[in-house]
């Protein structure tokens, strides 16, 4: 399964969250370079994540136009790992894929740590 992440300069924590959820391949376009506007969606893409706080308006329009009618789910969010994980859980997209792959839990280690820290504060 392949995900395309558009936007963001450093996405290592997002890559980790996706791999913890069973995502096999992650492609990243930073969305700031003019040549990114000429790229086409990879054929095996099953999910597109747009980190809209760090891409150009033209890139946002291009990705939205490319995904309309393709049936590929799109997640729009800021570059926030907690928000992205919450949206993934709401979609049940990655979670169901991870369950099929035999993953023990659907949450990434970061989300689990953050949840524990919040519970301890209350």
N, C-alpha and C. Protein backbone atom coordinates (compact mmCIF):
# COMPACT_ATOMS: atom_id res chain seq x y z
N UNK A 1 0.84 -1.16 0.00
CA UNK A 1 0.00 0.00 0.00
C UNK A 1 0.89 1.24 0.00
N UNK A 2 0.53 2.24 -0.80
CA UNK A 2 1.34 3.44 -0.96
C UNK A 2 0.56 4.68 -0.57
N UNK A 3 1.22 5.57 0.16
CA UNK A 3 0.64 6.86 0.50
C UNK A 3 1.52 7.94 -0.10
N UNK A 4 0.88 9.01 -0.53
CA UNK A 4 1.59 10.18 -1.02
C UNK A 4 1.37 11.30 -0.02
N UNK A 5 2.46 11.85 0.50
CA UNK A 5 2.38 12.98 1.41
C UNK A 5 2.88 14.20 0.67
N UNK A 6 2.04 15.23 0.57
CA UNK A 6 2.40 16.45 -0.14
C UNK A 6 2.49 17.57 0.88
N UNK A 7 3.67 18.18 0.97
CA UNK A 7 3.90 19.26 1.91
C UNK A 7 4.79 18.80 3.05
N UNK A 8 5.28 19.76 3.79
CA UNK A 8 6.16 19.44 4.91
C UNK A 8 7.58 19.20 4.44
N UNK A 9 8.52 19.66 5.21
CA UNK A 9 9.92 19.48 4.86
C UNK A 9 10.52 18.26 5.55
N UNK A 10 10.20 18.07 6.80
CA UNK A 10 10.73 16.95 7.58
C UNK A 10 9.55 16.11 8.05
N UNK A 11 9.41 14.93 7.49
CA UNK A 11 8.23 14.11 7.79
C UNK A 11 8.60 12.77 8.41
N UNK A 12 9.75 12.69 9.05
CA UNK A 12 10.19 11.41 9.62
C UNK A 12 9.19 10.87 10.63
N UNK A 13 8.65 11.74 11.49
CA UNK A 13 7.68 11.27 12.49
C UNK A 13 6.39 10.80 11.81
N UNK A 14 6.01 11.44 10.73
CA UNK A 14 4.82 11.01 9.99
C UNK A 14 5.08 9.67 9.31
N UNK A 15 6.27 9.50 8.75
CA UNK A 15 6.64 8.20 8.15
C UNK A 15 6.55 7.09 9.20
N UNK A 16 7.04 7.38 10.41
CA UNK A 16 7.01 6.39 11.49
C UNK A 16 5.57 6.03 11.86
N UNK A 17 4.71 7.05 11.93
CA UNK A 17 3.31 6.79 12.26
C UNK A 17 2.64 5.92 11.20
N UNK A 18 2.95 6.17 9.94
CA UNK A 18 2.38 5.37 8.86
C UNK A 18 2.92 3.94 8.89
N UNK A 19 4.21 3.79 9.12
CA UNK A 19 4.77 2.43 9.15
C UNK A 19 4.25 1.66 10.36
N UNK A 20 4.02 2.34 11.49
CA UNK A 20 3.43 1.68 12.65
C UNK A 20 2.02 1.20 12.36
N UNK A 21 1.36 1.83 11.41
CA UNK A 21 -0.01 1.48 11.05
C UNK A 21 -0.08 0.53 9.86
N UNK A 22 1.04 0.07 9.36
CA UNK A 22 1.03 -0.93 8.31
C UNK A 22 1.20 -0.40 6.90
N UNK A 23 1.51 0.88 6.74
CA UNK A 23 1.71 1.44 5.42
C UNK A 23 3.07 0.99 4.90
N UNK A 24 3.09 0.38 3.73
CA UNK A 24 4.32 -0.20 3.21
C UNK A 24 5.24 0.81 2.54
N UNK A 25 4.67 1.70 1.74
CA UNK A 25 5.50 2.63 0.97
C UNK A 25 4.93 4.04 1.11
N UNK A 26 5.83 5.00 1.35
CA UNK A 26 5.42 6.38 1.52
C UNK A 26 6.26 7.23 0.57
N UNK A 27 5.58 7.98 -0.28
CA UNK A 27 6.26 8.90 -1.18
C UNK A 27 5.99 10.32 -0.67
N UNK A 28 7.00 11.18 -0.79
CA UNK A 28 6.87 12.53 -0.27
C UNK A 28 7.25 13.56 -1.32
N UNK A 29 6.35 14.53 -1.52
CA UNK A 29 6.66 15.70 -2.33
C UNK A 29 6.59 16.89 -1.38
N UNK A 30 7.62 17.73 -1.37
CA UNK A 30 7.55 18.86 -0.43
C UNK A 30 6.60 19.93 -0.91
N UNK A 31 6.26 19.97 -2.18
CA UNK A 31 5.23 20.87 -2.68
C UNK A 31 5.65 22.32 -2.83
N UNK A 32 6.93 22.59 -2.68
CA UNK A 32 7.40 23.97 -2.80
C UNK A 32 8.15 24.21 -4.12
N UNK A 33 8.62 23.14 -4.73
CA UNK A 33 9.40 23.27 -5.95
C UNK A 33 8.47 23.35 -7.17
N UNK A 34 8.76 24.24 -8.09
CA UNK A 34 7.91 24.35 -9.28
C UNK A 34 7.82 23.05 -10.09
N UNK A 35 8.88 22.24 -10.07
CA UNK A 35 8.83 20.98 -10.83
C UNK A 35 7.85 19.97 -10.22
N UNK A 36 7.50 20.15 -8.95
CA UNK A 36 6.50 19.27 -8.32
C UNK A 36 5.14 19.39 -9.00
N UNK A 37 4.88 20.55 -9.61
CA UNK A 37 3.59 20.75 -10.29
C UNK A 37 3.48 19.89 -11.55
N UNK A 38 4.60 19.41 -12.07
CA UNK A 38 4.57 18.58 -13.28
C UNK A 38 4.49 17.09 -12.97
N UNK A 39 4.61 16.73 -11.72
CA UNK A 39 4.56 15.31 -11.35
C UNK A 39 3.12 14.80 -11.43
N UNK A 40 2.99 13.51 -11.70
CA UNK A 40 1.66 12.91 -11.67
C UNK A 40 1.60 11.93 -10.50
N UNK A 41 0.39 11.66 -10.04
CA UNK A 41 0.23 10.75 -8.90
C UNK A 41 0.78 9.37 -9.24
N UNK A 42 1.52 8.76 -8.33
CA UNK A 42 1.97 7.39 -8.56
C UNK A 42 0.76 6.46 -8.74
N UNK A 43 0.88 5.49 -9.62
CA UNK A 43 -0.26 4.62 -9.93
C UNK A 43 -0.72 3.79 -8.74
N UNK A 44 0.18 3.45 -7.85
CA UNK A 44 -0.19 2.59 -6.73
C UNK A 44 -0.68 3.37 -5.51
N UNK A 45 -0.88 4.67 -5.65
CA UNK A 45 -1.29 5.51 -4.52
C UNK A 45 -2.69 5.14 -4.05
N UNK A 46 -2.82 4.89 -2.75
CA UNK A 46 -4.11 4.55 -2.16
C UNK A 46 -4.58 5.57 -1.15
N UNK A 47 -3.72 6.53 -0.82
CA UNK A 47 -4.06 7.58 0.13
C UNK A 47 -3.18 8.79 -0.15
N UNK A 48 -3.78 9.99 -0.14
CA UNK A 48 -3.03 11.23 -0.30
C UNK A 48 -3.24 12.06 0.96
N UNK A 49 -2.14 12.53 1.52
CA UNK A 49 -2.18 13.42 2.68
C UNK A 49 -1.60 14.75 2.24
N UNK A 50 -2.40 15.82 2.39
CA UNK A 50 -1.95 17.16 2.03
C UNK A 50 -1.72 17.95 3.31
N UNK A 51 -0.46 18.30 3.54
CA UNK A 51 -0.10 19.14 4.69
C UNK A 51 -0.16 20.58 4.19
N UNK A 52 -1.33 21.18 4.33
CA UNK A 52 -1.63 22.42 3.64
C UNK A 52 -0.95 23.66 4.18
N UNK A 53 -0.30 23.58 5.32
CA UNK A 53 0.36 24.78 5.85
C UNK A 53 1.75 25.00 5.26
N UNK A 54 2.17 24.13 4.37
CA UNK A 54 3.52 24.31 3.81
C UNK A 54 3.60 24.02 2.31
N UNK A 55 2.50 24.22 1.57
CA UNK A 55 2.55 24.05 0.12
C UNK A 55 1.96 25.29 -0.55
N UNK A 56 2.22 25.41 -1.83
CA UNK A 56 1.71 26.55 -2.58
C UNK A 56 0.23 26.30 -2.93
N UNK A 57 -0.46 27.39 -3.24
CA UNK A 57 -1.85 27.27 -3.63
C UNK A 57 -2.00 26.48 -4.93
N UNK A 58 -1.07 26.67 -5.85
CA UNK A 58 -1.12 25.95 -7.12
C UNK A 58 -0.97 24.44 -6.90
N UNK A 59 -0.10 24.05 -5.98
CA UNK A 59 0.08 22.62 -5.69
C UNK A 59 -1.18 22.05 -5.07
N UNK A 60 -1.79 22.79 -4.17
CA UNK A 60 -3.03 22.34 -3.55
C UNK A 60 -4.12 22.12 -4.61
N UNK A 61 -4.26 23.06 -5.52
CA UNK A 61 -5.25 22.94 -6.59
C UNK A 61 -4.93 21.75 -7.49
N UNK A 62 -3.65 21.54 -7.81
CA UNK A 62 -3.25 20.43 -8.68
C UNK A 62 -3.57 19.08 -8.05
N UNK A 63 -3.20 18.90 -6.80
CA UNK A 63 -3.44 17.62 -6.13
C UNK A 63 -4.94 17.37 -6.00
N UNK A 64 -5.70 18.38 -5.62
CA UNK A 64 -7.14 18.21 -5.51
C UNK A 64 -7.75 17.84 -6.86
N UNK A 65 -7.29 18.48 -7.94
CA UNK A 65 -7.81 18.17 -9.28
C UNK A 65 -7.43 16.76 -9.71
N UNK A 66 -6.21 16.33 -9.36
CA UNK A 66 -5.76 14.98 -9.73
C UNK A 66 -6.52 13.88 -9.00
N UNK A 67 -6.94 14.15 -7.78
CA UNK A 67 -7.60 13.11 -6.99
C UNK A 67 -9.11 13.07 -7.18
N UNK A 68 -9.71 14.15 -7.69
CA UNK A 68 -11.15 14.16 -7.90
C UNK A 68 -11.50 13.10 -8.94
N UNK A 69 -12.44 12.26 -8.63
CA UNK A 69 -12.88 11.21 -9.54
C UNK A 69 -12.01 9.98 -9.56
N UNK A 70 -10.88 9.99 -8.85
CA UNK A 70 -10.00 8.83 -8.85
C UNK A 70 -10.38 7.83 -7.76
N UNK A 71 -11.17 8.27 -6.79
CA UNK A 71 -11.54 7.38 -5.69
C UNK A 71 -10.48 7.27 -4.62
N UNK A 72 -9.40 8.02 -4.74
CA UNK A 72 -8.33 7.99 -3.75
C UNK A 72 -8.72 8.90 -2.59
N UNK A 73 -8.74 8.39 -1.37
CA UNK A 73 -9.06 9.24 -0.22
C UNK A 73 -7.97 10.29 0.00
N UNK A 74 -8.40 11.48 0.40
CA UNK A 74 -7.48 12.60 0.62
C UNK A 74 -7.70 13.13 2.04
N UNK A 75 -6.62 13.35 2.74
CA UNK A 75 -6.67 13.95 4.07
C UNK A 75 -6.00 15.30 3.98
N UNK A 76 -6.72 16.35 4.38
CA UNK A 76 -6.17 17.70 4.46
C UNK A 76 -5.93 18.02 5.93
N UNK A 77 -4.71 18.38 6.28
CA UNK A 77 -4.45 18.78 7.67
C UNK A 77 -3.18 19.61 7.75
N UNK A 78 -3.00 20.23 8.91
CA UNK A 78 -1.75 20.93 9.18
C UNK A 78 -0.65 19.90 9.41
N UNK A 79 0.58 20.38 9.50
CA UNK A 79 1.68 19.47 9.78
C UNK A 79 1.71 19.21 11.28
N UNK A 80 0.78 18.40 11.73
CA UNK A 80 0.64 18.05 13.13
C UNK A 80 0.42 16.55 13.20
N UNK A 81 1.34 15.84 13.81
CA UNK A 81 1.24 14.39 13.85
C UNK A 81 0.00 13.94 14.61
N UNK A 82 -0.31 14.60 15.71
CA UNK A 82 -1.50 14.22 16.49
C UNK A 82 -2.77 14.38 15.69
N UNK A 83 -2.90 15.50 14.96
CA UNK A 83 -4.08 15.74 14.13
C UNK A 83 -4.16 14.72 13.01
N UNK A 84 -3.03 14.43 12.38
CA UNK A 84 -3.03 13.45 11.29
C UNK A 84 -3.44 12.07 11.80
N UNK A 85 -2.90 11.65 12.93
CA UNK A 85 -3.25 10.34 13.48
C UNK A 85 -4.74 10.28 13.84
N UNK A 86 -5.27 11.36 14.37
CA UNK A 86 -6.69 11.41 14.69
C UNK A 86 -7.54 11.27 13.43
N UNK A 87 -7.14 11.96 12.36
CA UNK A 87 -7.89 11.87 11.10
C UNK A 87 -7.79 10.47 10.50
N UNK A 88 -6.63 9.85 10.61
CA UNK A 88 -6.48 8.47 10.12
C UNK A 88 -7.38 7.51 10.90
N UNK A 89 -7.44 7.69 12.22
CA UNK A 89 -8.30 6.84 13.04
C UNK A 89 -9.77 7.05 12.69
N UNK A 90 -10.15 8.30 12.41
CA UNK A 90 -11.53 8.58 12.03
C UNK A 90 -11.88 7.92 10.70
N UNK A 91 -10.91 7.89 9.80
CA UNK A 91 -11.15 7.28 8.49
C UNK A 91 -11.20 5.75 8.57
N UNK A 92 -10.55 5.19 9.56
CA UNK A 92 -10.41 3.74 9.69
C UNK A 92 -9.72 3.15 8.47
N UNK A 93 -8.96 3.97 7.77
CA UNK A 93 -8.30 3.50 6.56
C UNK A 93 -7.07 2.69 6.89
N UNK A 94 -6.14 3.31 7.57
CA UNK A 94 -4.90 2.63 7.92
C UNK A 94 -5.16 1.58 8.99
N UNK A 95 -6.07 1.89 9.91
CA UNK A 95 -6.33 0.98 11.02
C UNK A 95 -6.79 -0.38 10.52
N UNK A 96 -7.72 -0.39 9.57
CA UNK A 96 -8.21 -1.67 9.07
C UNK A 96 -7.12 -2.40 8.29
N UNK A 97 -6.27 -1.65 7.57
CA UNK A 97 -5.18 -2.27 6.84
C UNK A 97 -4.17 -2.88 7.81
N UNK A 98 -3.89 -2.19 8.91
CA UNK A 98 -2.94 -2.71 9.89
C UNK A 98 -3.50 -3.96 10.56
N UNK A 99 -4.80 -3.98 10.81
CA UNK A 99 -5.41 -5.15 11.42
C UNK A 99 -5.31 -6.35 10.49
N UNK A 100 -5.50 -6.11 9.20
CA UNK A 100 -5.39 -7.21 8.25
C UNK A 100 -3.95 -7.72 8.16
N UNK A 101 -3.00 -6.82 8.36
CA UNK A 101 -1.59 -7.19 8.28
C UNK A 101 -1.11 -7.84 9.57
N UNK A 102 -1.96 -7.91 10.58
CA UNK A 102 -1.59 -8.57 11.83
C UNK A 102 -0.95 -7.65 12.84
N UNK A 103 -1.09 -6.34 12.68
CA UNK A 103 -0.52 -5.41 13.65
C UNK A 103 -1.27 -5.54 14.98
N UNK A 104 -0.55 -5.38 16.08
CA UNK A 104 -1.15 -5.54 17.39
C UNK A 104 -2.05 -4.39 17.78
N UNK A 105 -1.69 -3.17 17.43
CA UNK A 105 -2.53 -2.03 17.78
C UNK A 105 -2.51 -1.03 16.65
N UNK A 106 -3.58 -0.24 16.56
CA UNK A 106 -3.73 0.67 15.45
C UNK A 106 -3.04 2.00 15.68
N UNK A 107 -2.76 2.33 16.92
CA UNK A 107 -2.14 3.63 17.20
C UNK A 107 -0.63 3.54 17.09
N UNK A 108 -0.04 4.63 16.66
CA UNK A 108 1.41 4.68 16.59
C UNK A 108 1.96 4.92 18.00
N UNK A 109 3.24 4.71 18.15
CA UNK A 109 3.87 4.87 19.46
C UNK A 109 3.75 6.31 19.95
N UNK A 110 3.87 7.27 19.06
CA UNK A 110 3.77 8.68 19.45
C UNK A 110 2.40 8.97 20.03
N UNK A 111 1.34 8.52 19.37
CA UNK A 111 -0.02 8.78 19.86
C UNK A 111 -0.26 8.11 21.21
N UNK A 112 0.25 6.91 21.37
CA UNK A 112 0.10 6.20 22.63
C UNK A 112 0.81 6.95 23.75
N UNK A 113 2.03 7.43 23.48
CA UNK A 113 2.77 8.20 24.49
C UNK A 113 2.04 9.48 24.85
N UNK A 114 1.52 10.17 23.85
CA UNK A 114 0.82 11.43 24.09
C UNK A 114 -0.45 11.19 24.89
N UNK A 115 -1.17 10.12 24.58
CA UNK A 115 -2.39 9.79 25.31
C UNK A 115 -2.09 9.48 26.77
N UNK A 116 -1.00 8.77 27.02
CA UNK A 116 -0.60 8.44 28.38
C UNK A 116 -0.21 9.71 29.13
N UNK A 117 0.51 10.60 28.48
CA UNK A 117 0.94 11.84 29.12
C UNK A 117 -0.27 12.71 29.47
N UNK A 118 -1.26 12.77 28.58
CA UNK A 118 -2.47 13.55 28.86
C UNK A 118 -3.26 12.96 30.02
N UNK A 119 -3.35 11.64 30.07
CA UNK A 119 -4.09 10.98 31.13
C UNK A 119 -3.42 11.23 32.48
N UNK A 120 -2.10 11.21 32.52
CA UNK A 120 -1.37 11.42 33.76
C UNK A 120 -1.55 12.85 34.29
N UNK A 121 -1.70 13.83 33.38
CA UNK A 121 -1.87 15.22 33.80
C UNK A 121 -3.23 15.45 34.44
N UNK A 122 -4.22 14.70 34.04
CA UNK A 122 -5.58 14.92 34.55
C UNK A 122 -5.74 14.27 35.85
